[in-house]
Full PDB file with SEQRES, HELIX, SHEET, SSBOND, CRYST1, ORIGX, SCALE, CONECT and MASTER records, all heavy atoms in Angstrom:
SEQRES   1 A   31  PRO GLY ASN ASP LYS ARG TYR PHE PHE THR HIS GLU ILE          
SEQRES   2 A   31  ASN SER TYR LYS PHE ILE MET MET GLY ALA ASP ARG SER          
SEQRES   3 A   31  SER PHE GLU SER SER                                          
SHEET    1 AA1 2 PHE A   9  ILE A  13  0                                        
SHEET    2 AA1 2 TYR A  16  MET A  20 -1                                        
CRYST1    1.000    1.000    1.000  90.00  90.00  90.00 P 1           1          
ORIGX1      1.000000  0.000000  0.000000        0.00000                         
ORIGX2      0.000000  1.000000  0.000000        0.00000                         
ORIGX3      0.000000  0.000000  1.000000        0.00000                         
SCALE1      1.000000  0.000000  0.000000        0.00000                         
SCALE2      0.000000  1.000000  0.000000        0.00000                         
SCALE3      0.000000  0.000000  1.000000        0.00000                         
ATOM      1  N   PRO A   1      11.113  12.322 -45.450  1.00  0.00           N  
ATOM      2  CA  PRO A   1      10.978  13.608 -46.165  1.00  0.00           C  
ATOM      3  C   PRO A   1       9.676  14.365 -45.844  1.00  0.00           C  
ATOM      4  O   PRO A   1       8.747  13.768 -45.365  1.00  0.00           O  
ATOM      5  CB  PRO A   1      10.904  13.058 -47.648  1.00  0.00           C  
ATOM      6  CG  PRO A   1      10.302  11.739 -47.570  1.00  0.00           C  
ATOM      7  CD  PRO A   1      10.727  11.088 -46.213  1.00  0.00           C  
ATOM      8  N   GLY A   2       9.685  15.621 -46.141  1.00  0.00           N  
ATOM      9  CA  GLY A   2       8.479  16.453 -45.944  1.00  0.00           C  
ATOM     10  C   GLY A   2       7.669  16.452 -47.204  1.00  0.00           C  
ATOM     11  O   GLY A   2       7.611  15.632 -48.080  1.00  0.00           O  
ATOM     12  N   ASN A   3       6.804  17.483 -47.251  1.00  0.00           N  
ATOM     13  CA  ASN A   3       5.956  17.673 -48.413  1.00  0.00           C  
ATOM     14  C   ASN A   3       6.768  18.358 -49.565  1.00  0.00           C  
ATOM     15  O   ASN A   3       7.959  18.662 -49.409  1.00  0.00           O  
ATOM     16  CB  ASN A   3       4.680  18.468 -48.076  1.00  0.00           C  
ATOM     17  CG  ASN A   3       4.929  19.788 -47.604  1.00  0.00           C  
ATOM     18  OD1 ASN A   3       5.464  20.683 -48.324  1.00  0.00           O  
ATOM     19  ND2 ASN A   3       4.446  20.195 -46.479  1.00  0.00           N  
ATOM     20  N   ASP A   4       6.178  18.552 -50.688  1.00  0.00           N  
ATOM     21  CA  ASP A   4       6.840  19.030 -51.860  1.00  0.00           C  
ATOM     22  C   ASP A   4       6.724  20.601 -52.076  1.00  0.00           C  
ATOM     23  O   ASP A   4       7.099  21.106 -53.057  1.00  0.00           O  
ATOM     24  CB  ASP A   4       6.472  18.349 -53.187  1.00  0.00           C  
ATOM     25  CG  ASP A   4       5.012  18.485 -53.475  1.00  0.00           C  
ATOM     26  OD1 ASP A   4       4.289  19.046 -52.660  1.00  0.00           O  
ATOM     27  OD2 ASP A   4       4.478  17.938 -54.463  1.00  0.00           O  
ATOM     28  N   LYS A   5       6.042  21.325 -51.087  1.00  0.00           N  
ATOM     29  CA  LYS A   5       5.807  22.662 -51.228  1.00  0.00           C  
ATOM     30  C   LYS A   5       6.573  23.544 -50.121  1.00  0.00           C  
ATOM     31  O   LYS A   5       6.897  24.639 -50.373  1.00  0.00           O  
ATOM     32  CB  LYS A   5       4.370  22.962 -51.206  1.00  0.00           C  
ATOM     33  CG  LYS A   5       3.643  22.422 -52.426  1.00  0.00           C  
ATOM     34  CD  LYS A   5       2.162  22.731 -52.427  1.00  0.00           C  
ATOM     35  CE  LYS A   5       1.395  22.295 -53.717  1.00  0.00           C  
ATOM     36  NZ  LYS A   5       0.057  22.572 -53.660  1.00  0.00           N  
ATOM     37  N   ARG A   6       6.644  22.994 -48.893  1.00  0.00           N  
ATOM     38  CA  ARG A   6       7.150  23.697 -47.755  1.00  0.00           C  
ATOM     39  C   ARG A   6       7.973  22.815 -46.851  1.00  0.00           C  
ATOM     40  O   ARG A   6       7.938  21.591 -46.878  1.00  0.00           O  
ATOM     41  CB  ARG A   6       6.064  24.269 -46.924  1.00  0.00           C  
ATOM     42  CG  ARG A   6       5.214  25.362 -47.573  1.00  0.00           C  
ATOM     43  CD  ARG A   6       5.957  26.703 -47.595  1.00  0.00           C  
ATOM     44  NE  ARG A   6       5.209  27.757 -48.221  1.00  0.00           N  
ATOM     45  CZ  ARG A   6       5.116  28.089 -49.437  1.00  0.00           C  
ATOM     46  NH1 ARG A   6       5.794  27.388 -50.429  1.00  0.00           N  
ATOM     47  NH2 ARG A   6       4.445  29.124 -49.862  1.00  0.00           N  
ATOM     48  N   TYR A   7       8.931  23.394 -46.244  1.00  0.00           N  
ATOM     49  CA  TYR A   7       9.773  22.685 -45.290  1.00  0.00           C  
ATOM     50  C   TYR A   7       9.018  22.284 -43.990  1.00  0.00           C  
ATOM     51  O   TYR A   7       9.566  21.403 -43.269  1.00  0.00           O  
ATOM     52  CB  TYR A   7      10.980  23.431 -44.921  1.00  0.00           C  
ATOM     53  CG  TYR A   7      12.026  23.522 -46.023  1.00  0.00           C  
ATOM     54  CD1 TYR A   7      12.149  24.741 -46.835  1.00  0.00           C  
ATOM     55  CD2 TYR A   7      12.868  22.514 -46.269  1.00  0.00           C  
ATOM     56  CE1 TYR A   7      13.098  24.701 -47.776  1.00  0.00           C  
ATOM     57  CE2 TYR A   7      13.806  22.471 -47.322  1.00  0.00           C  
ATOM     58  CZ  TYR A   7      13.920  23.642 -48.065  1.00  0.00           C  
ATOM     59  OH  TYR A   7      14.899  23.653 -49.027  1.00  0.00           O  
ATOM     60  N   PHE A   8       7.893  22.936 -43.707  1.00  0.00           N  
ATOM     61  CA  PHE A   8       7.192  22.606 -42.453  1.00  0.00           C  
ATOM     62  C   PHE A   8       6.383  21.297 -42.738  1.00  0.00           C  
ATOM     63  O   PHE A   8       5.677  21.067 -43.704  1.00  0.00           O  
ATOM     64  CB  PHE A   8       6.141  23.576 -42.165  1.00  0.00           C  
ATOM     65  CG  PHE A   8       5.287  23.421 -41.013  1.00  0.00           C  
ATOM     66  CD1 PHE A   8       5.777  24.015 -39.840  1.00  0.00           C  
ATOM     67  CD2 PHE A   8       4.174  22.757 -41.034  1.00  0.00           C  
ATOM     68  CE1 PHE A   8       4.903  23.785 -38.628  1.00  0.00           C  
ATOM     69  CE2 PHE A   8       3.350  22.474 -39.885  1.00  0.00           C  
ATOM     70  CZ  PHE A   8       3.832  23.109 -38.591  1.00  0.00           C  
ATOM     71  N   PHE A   9       6.569  20.307 -41.749  1.00  0.00           N  
ATOM     72  CA  PHE A   9       5.804  19.032 -41.827  1.00  0.00           C  
ATOM     73  C   PHE A   9       5.869  18.382 -40.437  1.00  0.00           C  
ATOM     74  O   PHE A   9       6.593  18.831 -39.554  1.00  0.00           O  
ATOM     75  CB  PHE A   9       6.168  18.046 -42.905  1.00  0.00           C  
ATOM     76  CG  PHE A   9       7.618  17.529 -42.781  1.00  0.00           C  
ATOM     77  CD1 PHE A   9       7.746  16.198 -42.223  1.00  0.00           C  
ATOM     78  CD2 PHE A   9       8.828  18.218 -42.953  1.00  0.00           C  
ATOM     79  CE1 PHE A   9       9.033  15.616 -42.102  1.00  0.00           C  
ATOM     80  CE2 PHE A   9      10.038  17.647 -42.820  1.00  0.00           C  
ATOM     81  CZ  PHE A   9      10.146  16.426 -42.382  1.00  0.00           C  
ATOM     82  N   THR A  10       5.077  17.314 -40.182  1.00  0.00           N  
ATOM     83  CA  THR A  10       5.076  16.638 -38.983  1.00  0.00           C  
ATOM     84  C   THR A  10       5.377  15.158 -39.189  1.00  0.00           C  
ATOM     85  O   THR A  10       5.075  14.601 -40.262  1.00  0.00           O  
ATOM     86  CB  THR A  10       3.712  16.816 -38.189  1.00  0.00           C  
ATOM     87  OG1 THR A  10       2.715  16.209 -38.977  1.00  0.00           O  
ATOM     88  CG2 THR A  10       3.458  18.337 -37.999  1.00  0.00           C  
ATOM     89  N   HIS A  11       5.763  14.515 -38.086  1.00  0.00           N  
ATOM     90  CA  HIS A  11       5.999  13.028 -38.150  1.00  0.00           C  
ATOM     91  C   HIS A  11       5.814  12.527 -36.715  1.00  0.00           C  
ATOM     92  O   HIS A  11       6.166  13.199 -35.774  1.00  0.00           O  
ATOM     93  CB  HIS A  11       7.359  12.817 -38.659  1.00  0.00           C  
ATOM     94  CG  HIS A  11       7.702  11.255 -38.833  1.00  0.00           C  
ATOM     95  ND1 HIS A  11       7.075  10.542 -39.819  1.00  0.00           N  
ATOM     96  CD2 HIS A  11       8.574  10.472 -38.227  1.00  0.00           C  
ATOM     97  CE1 HIS A  11       7.558   9.297 -39.758  1.00  0.00           C  
ATOM     98  NE2 HIS A  11       8.457   9.279 -38.808  1.00  0.00           N  
ATOM     99  N   GLU A  12       5.338  11.242 -36.622  1.00  0.00           N  
ATOM    100  CA  GLU A  12       5.074  10.668 -35.365  1.00  0.00           C  
ATOM    101  C   GLU A  12       5.910   9.481 -35.135  1.00  0.00           C  
ATOM    102  O   GLU A  12       6.075   8.650 -36.100  1.00  0.00           O  
ATOM    103  CB  GLU A  12       3.625  10.271 -35.196  1.00  0.00           C  
ATOM    104  CG  GLU A  12       3.126   9.861 -33.773  1.00  0.00           C  
ATOM    105  CD  GLU A  12       1.684   9.776 -33.726  1.00  0.00           C  
ATOM    106  OE1 GLU A  12       0.941  10.694 -33.634  1.00  0.00           O  
ATOM    107  OE2 GLU A  12       1.318   8.573 -33.464  1.00  0.00           O  
ATOM    108  N   ILE A  13       6.599   9.415 -34.022  1.00  0.00           N  
ATOM    109  CA  ILE A  13       7.409   8.229 -33.617  1.00  0.00           C  
ATOM    110  C   ILE A  13       6.930   7.692 -32.304  1.00  0.00           C  
ATOM    111  O   ILE A  13       7.070   8.482 -31.296  1.00  0.00           O  
ATOM    112  CB  ILE A  13       8.933   8.573 -33.582  1.00  0.00           C  
ATOM    113  CG1 ILE A  13       9.395   9.199 -34.953  1.00  0.00           C  
ATOM    114  CG2 ILE A  13       9.706   7.299 -33.290  1.00  0.00           C  
ATOM    115  CD1 ILE A  13      10.865   9.608 -34.990  1.00  0.00           C  
ATOM    116  N   ASN A  14       6.596   6.425 -32.203  1.00  0.00           N  
ATOM    117  CA  ASN A  14       6.229   5.940 -30.943  1.00  0.00           C  
ATOM    118  C   ASN A  14       5.054   6.774 -30.223  1.00  0.00           C  
ATOM    119  O   ASN A  14       5.181   6.866 -28.939  1.00  0.00           O  
ATOM    120  CB  ASN A  14       7.364   5.752 -29.946  1.00  0.00           C  
ATOM    121  CG  ASN A  14       8.353   4.749 -30.550  1.00  0.00           C  
ATOM    122  OD1 ASN A  14       8.142   4.094 -31.636  1.00  0.00           O  
ATOM    123  ND2 ASN A  14       9.569   4.648 -29.847  1.00  0.00           N  
ATOM    124  N   SER A  15       4.194   7.375 -30.988  1.00  0.00           N  
ATOM    125  CA  SER A  15       3.106   8.146 -30.602  1.00  0.00           C  
ATOM    126  C   SER A  15       3.522   9.546 -30.113  1.00  0.00           C  
ATOM    127  O   SER A  15       2.798  10.343 -29.518  1.00  0.00           O  
ATOM    128  CB  SER A  15       2.289   7.516 -29.393  1.00  0.00           C  
ATOM    129  OG  SER A  15       2.864   7.501 -28.219  1.00  0.00           O  
ATOM    130  N   TYR A  16       4.775   9.926 -30.298  1.00  0.00           N  
ATOM    131  CA  TYR A  16       5.294  11.291 -29.960  1.00  0.00           C  
ATOM    132  C   TYR A  16       5.380  12.082 -31.239  1.00  0.00           C  
ATOM    133  O   TYR A  16       5.938  11.553 -32.309  1.00  0.00           O  
ATOM    134  CB  TYR A  16       6.629  11.316 -29.312  1.00  0.00           C  
ATOM    135  CG  TYR A  16       6.663  10.759 -27.875  1.00  0.00           C  
ATOM    136  CD1 TYR A  16       6.976   9.424 -27.609  1.00  0.00           C  
ATOM    137  CD2 TYR A  16       6.343  11.596 -26.786  1.00  0.00           C  
ATOM    138  CE1 TYR A  16       6.889   8.880 -26.337  1.00  0.00           C  
ATOM    139  CE2 TYR A  16       6.367  11.163 -25.515  1.00  0.00           C  
ATOM    140  CZ  TYR A  16       6.574   9.799 -25.215  1.00  0.00           C  
ATOM    141  OH  TYR A  16       6.640   9.232 -23.968  1.00  0.00           O  
ATOM    142  N   LYS A  17       4.874  13.278 -31.225  1.00  0.00           N  
ATOM    143  CA  LYS A  17       4.870  14.079 -32.461  1.00  0.00           C  
ATOM    144  C   LYS A  17       6.120  14.904 -32.572  1.00  0.00           C  
ATOM    145  O   LYS A  17       6.618  15.624 -31.618  1.00  0.00           O  
ATOM    146  CB  LYS A  17       3.687  15.088 -32.468  1.00  0.00           C  
ATOM    147  CG  LYS A  17       3.584  15.997 -33.715  1.00  0.00           C  
ATOM    148  CD  LYS A  17       2.355  16.880 -33.660  1.00  0.00           C  
ATOM    149  CE  LYS A  17       1.096  16.184 -33.834  1.00  0.00           C  
ATOM    150  NZ  LYS A  17      -0.083  17.103 -33.964  1.00  0.00           N  
ATOM    151  N   PHE A  18       6.661  14.990 -33.801  1.00  0.00           N  
ATOM    152  CA  PHE A  18       7.781  15.809 -34.191  1.00  0.00           C  
ATOM    153  C   PHE A  18       7.319  16.814 -35.241  1.00  0.00           C  
ATOM    154  O   PHE A  18       6.633  16.460 -36.223  1.00  0.00           O  
ATOM    155  CB  PHE A  18       8.949  15.012 -34.723  1.00  0.00           C  
ATOM    156  CG  PHE A  18       9.701  14.145 -33.799  1.00  0.00           C  
ATOM    157  CD1 PHE A  18       9.057  12.996 -33.340  1.00  0.00           C  
ATOM    158  CD2 PHE A  18      10.847  14.513 -33.290  1.00  0.00           C  
ATOM    159  CE1 PHE A  18       9.682  12.140 -32.353  1.00  0.00           C  
ATOM    160  CE2 PHE A  18      11.528  13.665 -32.305  1.00  0.00           C  
ATOM    161  CZ  PHE A  18      11.003  12.569 -31.849  1.00  0.00           C  
ATOM    162  N   ILE A  19       7.572  18.065 -34.921  1.00  0.00           N  
ATOM    163  CA  ILE A  19       7.152  19.173 -35.862  1.00  0.00           C  
ATOM    164  C   ILE A  19       8.481  19.797 -36.370  1.00  0.00           C  
ATOM    165  O   ILE A  19       9.324  20.358 -35.699  1.00  0.00           O  
ATOM    166  CB  ILE A  19       6.351  20.241 -35.095  1.00  0.00           C  
ATOM    167  CG1 ILE A  19       5.086  19.645 -34.460  1.00  0.00           C  
ATOM    168  CG2 ILE A  19       5.996  21.363 -36.108  1.00  0.00           C  
ATOM    169  CD1 ILE A  19       4.301  20.619 -33.617  1.00  0.00           C  
ATOM    170  N   MET A  20       8.568  19.752 -37.741  1.00  0.00           N  
ATOM    171  CA  MET A  20       9.744  20.279 -38.411  1.00  0.00           C  
ATOM    172  C   MET A  20       9.347  21.593 -39.063  1.00  0.00           C  
ATOM    173  O   MET A  20       8.601  21.649 -39.945  1.00  0.00           O  
ATOM    174  CB  MET A  20      10.220  19.235 -39.461  1.00  0.00           C  
ATOM    175  CG  MET A  20      11.109  18.124 -39.016  1.00  0.00           C  
ATOM    176  SD  MET A  20      10.336  17.124 -37.671  1.00  0.00           S  
ATOM    177  CE  MET A  20       9.226  16.117 -38.668  1.00  0.00           C  
ATOM    178  N   MET A  21      10.085  22.604 -38.617  1.00  0.00           N  
ATOM    179  CA  MET A  21       9.901  23.942 -39.188  1.00  0.00           C  
ATOM    180  C   MET A  21      10.968  24.301 -40.077  1.00  0.00           C  
ATOM    181  O   MET A  21      11.924  23.469 -40.328  1.00  0.00           O  
ATOM    182  CB  MET A  21      10.078  25.000 -37.950  1.00  0.00           C  
ATOM    183  CG  MET A  21       8.905  24.870 -36.927  1.00  0.00           C  
ATOM    184  SD  MET A  21       9.126  26.113 -35.578  1.00  0.00           S  
ATOM    185  CE  MET A  21       8.777  27.652 -36.500  1.00  0.00           C  
ATOM    186  N   GLY A  22      10.806  25.300 -40.985  1.00  0.00           N  
ATOM    187  CA  GLY A  22      11.671  25.610 -41.910  1.00  0.00           C  
ATOM    188  C   GLY A  22      11.303  26.943 -42.613  1.00  0.00           C  
ATOM    189  O   GLY A  22      10.145  27.403 -42.544  1.00  0.00           O  
ATOM    190  N   ALA A  23      12.317  27.660 -43.310  1.00  0.00           N  
ATOM    191  CA  ALA A  23      12.010  28.924 -43.832  1.00  0.00           C  
ATOM    192  C   ALA A  23      10.995  28.905 -44.967  1.00  0.00           C  
ATOM    193  O   ALA A  23      11.028  27.900 -45.788  1.00  0.00           O  
ATOM    194  CB  ALA A  23      13.379  29.496 -44.341  1.00  0.00           C  
ATOM    195  N   ASP A  24      10.136  29.830 -45.006  1.00  0.00           N  
ATOM    196  CA  ASP A  24       9.145  29.816 -46.082  1.00  0.00           C  
ATOM    197  C   ASP A  24       9.622  30.607 -47.328  1.00  0.00           C  
ATOM    198  O   ASP A  24       8.924  30.767 -48.317  1.00  0.00           O  
ATOM    199  CB  ASP A  24       7.878  30.541 -45.634  1.00  0.00           C  
ATOM    200  CG  ASP A  24       7.084  29.590 -44.601  1.00  0.00           C  
ATOM    201  OD1 ASP A  24       6.999  28.508 -44.968  1.00  0.00           O  
ATOM    202  OD2 ASP A  24       6.541  30.021 -43.613  1.00  0.00           O  
ATOM    203  N   ARG A  25      10.915  31.072 -47.233  1.00  0.00           N  
ATOM    204  CA  ARG A  25      11.539  31.716 -48.370  1.00  0.00           C  
ATOM    205  C   ARG A  25      12.983  31.754 -48.106  1.00  0.00           C  
ATOM    206  O   ARG A  25      13.461  31.696 -46.991  1.00  0.00           O  
ATOM    207  CB  ARG A  25      10.907  33.127 -48.683  1.00  0.00           C  
ATOM    208  CG  ARG A  25      11.249  34.133 -47.564  1.00  0.00           C  
ATOM    209  CD  ARG A  25      10.509  35.480 -47.984  1.00  0.00           C  
ATOM    210  NE  ARG A  25      10.968  36.488 -46.930  1.00  0.00           N  
ATOM    211  CZ  ARG A  25      10.171  37.584 -46.645  1.00  0.00           C  
ATOM    212  NH1 ARG A  25       8.947  37.673 -47.207  1.00  0.00           N  
ATOM    213  NH2 ARG A  25      10.578  38.387 -45.800  1.00  0.00           N  
ATOM    214  N   SER A  26      13.731  31.895 -49.190  1.00  0.00           N  
ATOM    215  CA  SER A  26      15.205  31.811 -49.080  1.00  0.00           C  
ATOM    216  C   SER A  26      15.636  33.131 -48.330  1.00  0.00           C  
ATOM    217  O   SER A  26      15.204  34.281 -48.564  1.00  0.00           O  
ATOM    218  CB  SER A  26      15.862  31.755 -50.414  1.00  0.00           C  
ATOM    219  OG  SER A  26      15.628  30.532 -51.022  1.00  0.00           O  
ATOM    220  N   SER A  27      16.633  32.968 -47.468  1.00  0.00           N  
ATOM    221  CA  SER A  27      17.196  34.030 -46.703  1.00  0.00           C  
ATOM    222  C   SER A  27      18.610  33.688 -46.384  1.00  0.00           C  
ATOM    223  O   SER A  27      19.025  32.557 -46.469  1.00  0.00           O  
ATOM    224  CB  SER A  27      16.488  34.463 -45.460  1.00  0.00           C  
ATOM    225  OG  SER A  27      16.440  33.342 -44.548  1.00  0.00           O  
ATOM    226  N   PHE A  28      19.460  34.704 -46.062  1.00  0.00           N  
ATOM    227  CA  PHE A  28      20.915  34.423 -46.048  1.00  0.00           C  
ATOM    228  C   PHE A  28      21.231  33.746 -44.634  1.00  0.00           C  
ATOM    229  O   PHE A  28      22.035  32.862 -44.612  1.00  0.00           O  
ATOM    230  CB  PHE A  28      21.735  35.657 -46.293  1.00  0.00           C  
ATOM    231  CG  PHE A  28      23.223  35.427 -46.386  1.00  0.00           C  
ATOM    232  CD1 PHE A  28      23.684  34.856 -47.552  1.00  0.00           C  
ATOM    233  CD2 PHE A  28      24.055  35.651 -45.295  1.00  0.00           C  
ATOM    234  CE1 PHE A  28      25.173  34.537 -47.645  1.00  0.00           C  
ATOM    235  CE2 PHE A  28      25.485  35.348 -45.477  1.00  0.00           C  
ATOM    236  CZ  PHE A  28      25.957  34.841 -46.575  1.00  0.00           C  
ATOM    237  N   GLU A  29      20.616  34.198 -43.620  1.00  0.00           N  
ATOM    238  CA  GLU A  29      21.052  33.770 -42.276  1.00  0.00           C  
ATOM    239  C   GLU A  29      19.853  33.495 -41.339  1.00  0.00           C  
ATOM    240  O   GLU A  29      19.869  32.494 -40.654  1.00  0.00           O  
ATOM    241  CB  GLU A  29      21.952  34.888 -41.530  1.00  0.00           C  
ATOM    242  CG  GLU A  29      22.550  34.401 -40.294  1.00  0.00           C  
ATOM    243  CD  GLU A  29      23.378  35.571 -39.645  1.00  0.00           C  
ATOM    244  OE1 GLU A  29      24.540  35.757 -40.202  1.00  0.00           O  
ATOM    245  OE2 GLU A  29      22.998  36.231 -38.731  1.00  0.00           O  
ATOM    246  N   SER A  30      18.809  34.270 -41.380  1.00  0.00           N  
ATOM    247  CA  SER A  30      17.703  34.028 -40.428  1.00  0.00           C  
ATOM    248  C   SER A  30      16.739  33.123 -41.191  1.00  0.00           C  
ATOM    249  O   SER A  30      17.107  32.446 -42.181  1.00  0.00           O  
ATOM    250  CB  SER A  30      17.021  35.369 -40.200  1.00  0.00           C  
ATOM    251  OG  SER A  30      16.581  36.032 -41.392  1.00  0.00           O  
ATOM    252  N   SER A  31      15.557  32.988 -40.706  1.00  0.00           N  
ATOM    253  CA  SER A  31      14.618  31.931 -41.157  1.00  0.00           C  
ATOM    254  C   SER A  31      13.181  32.568 -41.132  1.00  0.00           C  
ATOM    255  O   SER A  31      12.541  32.583 -40.099  1.00  0.00           O  
ATOM    256  CB  SER A  31      14.545  30.736 -40.375  1.00  0.00           C  
ATOM    257  OG  SER A  31      13.773  29.754 -40.842  1.00  0.00           O  
TER     258      SER A  31                                                      
MASTER        0    0    0    0    2    0    0    6  257    1    0    3          
END                                                                             
């Protein structure tokens, strides 16, 4: 899971970084 305020967060697996992006507000189709 990410943090409790935004969809943006990071996670590391086997020393490789994963960056999870996400909309900062609700929108119908774009982000």
